[in-house]
Every structure is written in structure tokens, then in C-alpha cells.
Amino acid sequence: MLSVKTRYILICFVLALALLELSLQCQAKIDAKSIVGIWLMESDKEVVDMSKNGNNGEVKGNLKLVDGKFGKALLYPSQKVVL
């Protein structure tokens, strides 16, 4: 039978390995050849494709431009929105 301290250390070790595995899976590289578009959603009028593929669009609906985590962001209401 394992002591309480040994069990605690074993559980912490397993959780640390699980978190490490999850953090490694969360990283992704962008393949420039297969990407369709990159839209930053920094305007409430138009959506510009930053991938240079020309897939720009127009925002339709009642969206508000607000401060986001990185720059500006669009706040979506609970109603239907078309991008």
C-alpha cells in the first residue's frame, strides 16, 4: 500500500504529464499553401483577408466593434449574423 505522500506525488506527476501533453497539442502551424483566409475581424464594415488570397467580405448585421484581447474585436449579438 502506498503512503498518502507517495500517492500525492504520483497524482501530481501524472497531472503534470497530462498538462504537458495538452500544451504540446495546442500548437499549430499555418500552411500557407492550403489556407483559405485569415480574417482578424477588426472592422464592423468589412472583413479583410490577411492571407492575400482575396477572400474579403462585408459584415452584415448589428455588430459592435469593441476592444478585444489583441486589438479590436466584433461583438456578436444573440441574433443571426451574416459575414
N, C-alpha and C. Protein backbone atom coordinates (compact mmCIF):
# COMPACT_ATOMS: atom_id res chain seq x y z
N MET A 1 0.84 -1.17 0.00
CA MET A 1 0.00 0.00 0.00
C MET A 1 0.89 1.25 0.00
N LEU A 2 0.58 2.21 -0.89
CA LEU A 2 1.36 3.44 -0.98
C LEU A 2 0.96 4.41 0.11
N SER A 3 1.91 5.18 0.59
CA SER A 3 1.59 6.18 1.60
C SER A 3 0.85 7.35 0.95
N VAL A 4 0.24 8.18 1.77
CA VAL A 4 -0.52 9.33 1.27
C VAL A 4 0.40 10.29 0.52
N LYS A 5 1.60 10.49 1.05
CA LYS A 5 2.55 11.38 0.40
C LYS A 5 2.97 10.85 -0.97
N THR A 6 3.20 9.56 -1.07
CA THR A 6 3.57 8.94 -2.34
C THR A 6 2.44 9.04 -3.35
N ARG A 7 1.21 8.82 -2.90
CA ARG A 7 0.05 8.96 -3.79
C ARG A 7 -0.07 10.38 -4.30
N TYR A 8 0.11 11.35 -3.41
CA TYR A 8 0.02 12.76 -3.78
C TYR A 8 1.07 13.11 -4.84
N ILE A 9 2.29 12.66 -4.64
CA ILE A 9 3.37 12.92 -5.59
C ILE A 9 3.07 12.26 -6.94
N LEU A 10 2.57 11.04 -6.91
CA LEU A 10 2.23 10.32 -8.14
C LEU A 10 1.11 11.02 -8.90
N ILE A 11 0.09 11.48 -8.20
CA ILE A 11 -1.03 12.20 -8.84
C ILE A 11 -0.53 13.50 -9.46
N CYS A 12 0.30 14.24 -8.74
CA CYS A 12 0.84 15.49 -9.28
C CYS A 12 1.69 15.24 -10.52
N PHE A 13 2.48 14.18 -10.51
CA PHE A 13 3.31 13.84 -11.66
C PHE A 13 2.46 13.50 -12.87
N VAL A 14 1.42 12.71 -12.68
CA VAL A 14 0.53 12.32 -13.79
C VAL A 14 -0.20 13.55 -14.34
N LEU A 15 -0.67 14.43 -13.45
CA LEU A 15 -1.34 15.65 -13.92
C LEU A 15 -0.38 16.56 -14.68
N ALA A 16 0.86 16.66 -14.22
CA ALA A 16 1.85 17.48 -14.92
C ALA A 16 2.13 16.92 -16.32
N LEU A 17 2.23 15.61 -16.44
CA LEU A 17 2.42 14.99 -17.76
C LEU A 17 1.23 15.23 -18.68
N ALA A 18 0.02 15.14 -18.12
CA ALA A 18 -1.19 15.38 -18.91
C ALA A 18 -1.24 16.82 -19.40
N LEU A 19 -0.91 17.78 -18.55
CA LEU A 19 -0.90 19.19 -18.96
C LEU A 19 0.17 19.46 -20.01
N LEU A 20 1.31 18.82 -19.87
CA LEU A 20 2.37 18.97 -20.87
C LEU A 20 1.90 18.44 -22.22
N GLU A 21 1.25 17.30 -22.23
CA GLU A 21 0.74 16.72 -23.47
C GLU A 21 -0.29 17.63 -24.12
N LEU A 22 -1.19 18.20 -23.32
CA LEU A 22 -2.20 19.12 -23.87
C LEU A 22 -1.56 20.38 -24.43
N SER A 23 -0.56 20.91 -23.76
CA SER A 23 0.08 22.13 -24.26
C SER A 23 0.82 21.89 -25.56
N LEU A 24 1.38 20.71 -25.75
CA LEU A 24 2.07 20.40 -27.00
C LEU A 24 1.09 20.23 -28.15
N GLN A 25 -0.12 19.76 -27.88
CA GLN A 25 -1.12 19.56 -28.92
C GLN A 25 -1.79 20.86 -29.33
N CYS A 26 -1.69 21.91 -28.54
CA CYS A 26 -2.37 23.18 -28.81
C CYS A 26 -1.60 24.08 -29.76
N GLN A 27 -0.43 23.68 -30.15
CA GLN A 27 0.37 24.49 -31.06
C GLN A 27 0.12 24.02 -32.49
N ALA A 28 -0.13 24.98 -33.37
CA ALA A 28 -0.41 24.63 -34.76
C ALA A 28 0.37 25.57 -35.68
N LYS A 29 0.81 25.05 -36.79
CA LYS A 29 1.49 25.84 -37.80
C LYS A 29 0.51 26.09 -38.94
N ILE A 30 0.60 27.26 -39.53
CA ILE A 30 -0.25 27.62 -40.65
C ILE A 30 0.45 27.24 -41.94
N ASP A 31 -0.22 26.43 -42.75
CA ASP A 31 0.31 26.03 -44.05
C ASP A 31 -0.18 27.05 -45.08
N ALA A 32 0.71 27.89 -45.55
CA ALA A 32 0.35 28.98 -46.46
C ALA A 32 -0.24 28.49 -47.78
N LYS A 33 0.07 27.25 -48.19
CA LYS A 33 -0.42 26.73 -49.46
C LYS A 33 -1.88 26.27 -49.38
N SER A 34 -2.33 25.85 -48.21
CA SER A 34 -3.68 25.30 -48.10
C SER A 34 -4.66 26.20 -47.37
N ILE A 35 -4.20 27.35 -46.89
CA ILE A 35 -5.09 28.22 -46.12
C ILE A 35 -6.07 28.93 -47.06
N VAL A 36 -7.29 29.07 -46.61
CA VAL A 36 -8.32 29.75 -47.40
C VAL A 36 -8.31 31.24 -47.11
N GLY A 37 -8.21 31.61 -45.83
CA GLY A 37 -8.19 33.01 -45.47
C GLY A 37 -7.88 33.21 -44.00
N ILE A 38 -7.42 34.42 -43.69
CA ILE A 38 -7.20 34.82 -42.30
C ILE A 38 -7.95 36.12 -42.10
N TRP A 39 -8.96 36.09 -41.25
CA TRP A 39 -9.79 37.25 -41.00
C TRP A 39 -9.62 37.68 -39.55
N LEU A 40 -9.16 38.92 -39.34
CA LEU A 40 -8.90 39.43 -38.00
C LEU A 40 -10.13 40.07 -37.35
N MET A 41 -11.17 40.33 -38.10
CA MET A 41 -12.43 40.89 -37.59
C MET A 41 -12.19 42.19 -36.82
N GLU A 42 -11.46 43.11 -37.41
CA GLU A 42 -11.13 44.36 -36.74
C GLU A 42 -11.93 45.54 -37.27
N SER A 43 -12.97 45.29 -38.04
CA SER A 43 -13.82 46.36 -38.56
C SER A 43 -15.26 45.88 -38.52
N ASP A 44 -16.19 46.82 -38.29
CA ASP A 44 -17.61 46.44 -38.28
C ASP A 44 -18.25 46.63 -39.66
N LYS A 45 -17.48 46.97 -40.68
CA LYS A 45 -17.99 47.18 -42.04
C LYS A 45 -17.49 46.12 -43.02
N GLU A 46 -16.19 45.85 -43.00
CA GLU A 46 -15.60 44.91 -43.95
C GLU A 46 -14.68 43.93 -43.23
N VAL A 47 -14.48 42.78 -43.84
CA VAL A 47 -13.57 41.76 -43.32
C VAL A 47 -12.49 41.56 -44.37
N VAL A 48 -11.26 41.90 -44.01
CA VAL A 48 -10.14 41.83 -44.95
C VAL A 48 -9.39 40.52 -44.74
N ASP A 49 -9.14 39.83 -45.84
CA ASP A 49 -8.39 38.57 -45.82
C ASP A 49 -6.90 38.89 -45.75
N MET A 50 -6.28 38.58 -44.62
CA MET A 50 -4.86 38.87 -44.42
C MET A 50 -3.96 37.84 -45.10
N SER A 51 -4.53 36.76 -45.66
CA SER A 51 -3.71 35.74 -46.32
C SER A 51 -3.35 36.13 -47.75
N LYS A 52 -3.86 37.22 -48.23
CA LYS A 52 -3.62 37.71 -49.59
C LYS A 52 -4.25 36.82 -50.65
N ASN A 53 -5.24 36.00 -50.25
CA ASN A 53 -5.97 35.19 -51.22
C ASN A 53 -7.16 35.95 -51.80
N GLY A 54 -7.43 37.12 -51.26
CA GLY A 54 -8.51 37.95 -51.81
C GLY A 54 -9.90 37.56 -51.35
N ASN A 55 -10.03 36.79 -50.30
CA ASN A 55 -11.35 36.38 -49.80
C ASN A 55 -11.89 37.40 -48.79
N ASN A 56 -11.99 38.65 -49.24
CA ASN A 56 -12.51 39.72 -48.41
C ASN A 56 -14.03 39.61 -48.34
N GLY A 57 -14.61 40.22 -47.33
CA GLY A 57 -16.06 40.15 -47.19
C GLY A 57 -16.63 41.40 -46.58
N GLU A 58 -17.94 41.41 -46.46
CA GLU A 58 -18.68 42.53 -45.90
C GLU A 58 -19.46 42.03 -44.69
N VAL A 59 -19.44 42.80 -43.62
CA VAL A 59 -20.16 42.43 -42.40
C VAL A 59 -21.58 42.95 -42.50
N LYS A 60 -22.55 42.06 -42.31
CA LYS A 60 -23.95 42.45 -42.31
C LYS A 60 -24.57 42.02 -40.99
N GLY A 61 -25.29 42.90 -40.37
CA GLY A 61 -25.90 42.59 -39.08
C GLY A 61 -25.54 43.66 -38.08
N ASN A 62 -26.08 43.52 -36.89
CA ASN A 62 -25.89 44.51 -35.84
C ASN A 62 -24.71 44.10 -34.96
N LEU A 63 -23.49 44.39 -35.43
CA LEU A 63 -22.29 44.05 -34.69
C LEU A 63 -21.66 45.31 -34.13
N LYS A 64 -21.03 45.19 -32.97
CA LYS A 64 -20.34 46.31 -32.36
C LYS A 64 -18.85 46.04 -32.36
N LEU A 65 -18.08 47.08 -32.66
CA LEU A 65 -16.62 46.99 -32.61
C LEU A 65 -16.19 47.35 -31.19
N VAL A 66 -15.52 46.42 -30.51
CA VAL A 66 -15.11 46.61 -29.12
C VAL A 66 -13.62 46.30 -28.98
N ASP A 67 -13.06 46.65 -27.84
CA ASP A 67 -11.68 46.29 -27.55
C ASP A 67 -11.62 44.79 -27.31
N GLY A 68 -10.71 44.12 -28.00
CA GLY A 68 -10.56 42.68 -27.86
C GLY A 68 -9.31 42.33 -27.07
N LYS A 69 -9.01 41.06 -27.03
CA LYS A 69 -7.81 40.61 -26.33
C LYS A 69 -6.56 41.12 -27.03
N PHE A 70 -6.58 41.12 -28.36
CA PHE A 70 -5.47 41.63 -29.17
C PHE A 70 -6.07 42.63 -30.16
N GLY A 71 -6.03 43.91 -29.88
CA GLY A 71 -6.59 44.92 -30.77
C GLY A 71 -8.10 45.00 -30.65
N LYS A 72 -8.77 45.17 -31.78
CA LYS A 72 -10.23 45.29 -31.80
C LYS A 72 -10.87 43.94 -32.06
N ALA A 73 -12.18 43.85 -31.78
CA ALA A 73 -12.94 42.61 -31.97
C ALA A 73 -14.38 42.96 -32.27
N LEU A 74 -15.10 42.02 -32.88
CA LEU A 74 -16.52 42.19 -33.15
C LEU A 74 -17.32 41.49 -32.06
N LEU A 75 -18.30 42.22 -31.51
CA LEU A 75 -19.18 41.66 -30.51
C LEU A 75 -20.45 41.19 -31.22
N TYR A 76 -20.70 39.89 -31.17
CA TYR A 76 -21.84 39.30 -31.85
C TYR A 76 -23.06 39.31 -30.93
N PRO A 77 -24.20 39.81 -31.42
CA PRO A 77 -25.42 39.74 -30.62
C PRO A 77 -26.00 38.32 -30.68
N SER A 78 -27.05 38.10 -29.94
CA SER A 78 -27.64 36.76 -29.92
C SER A 78 -28.48 36.48 -31.17
N GLN A 79 -28.66 37.47 -32.03
CA GLN A 79 -29.44 37.27 -33.24
C GLN A 79 -28.58 36.77 -34.38
N LYS A 80 -29.19 36.48 -35.51
CA LYS A 80 -28.48 35.93 -36.66
C LYS A 80 -27.57 37.01 -37.28
N VAL A 81 -26.35 36.61 -37.59
CA VAL A 81 -25.36 37.50 -38.18
C VAL A 81 -24.80 36.83 -39.44
N VAL A 82 -24.63 37.59 -40.50
CA VAL A 82 -24.07 37.09 -41.75
C VAL A 82 -22.75 37.79 -41.99
N LEU A 83 -21.71 37.01 -42.24
CA LEU A 83 -20.41 37.59 -42.58
C LEU A 83 -20.11 37.32 -44.04
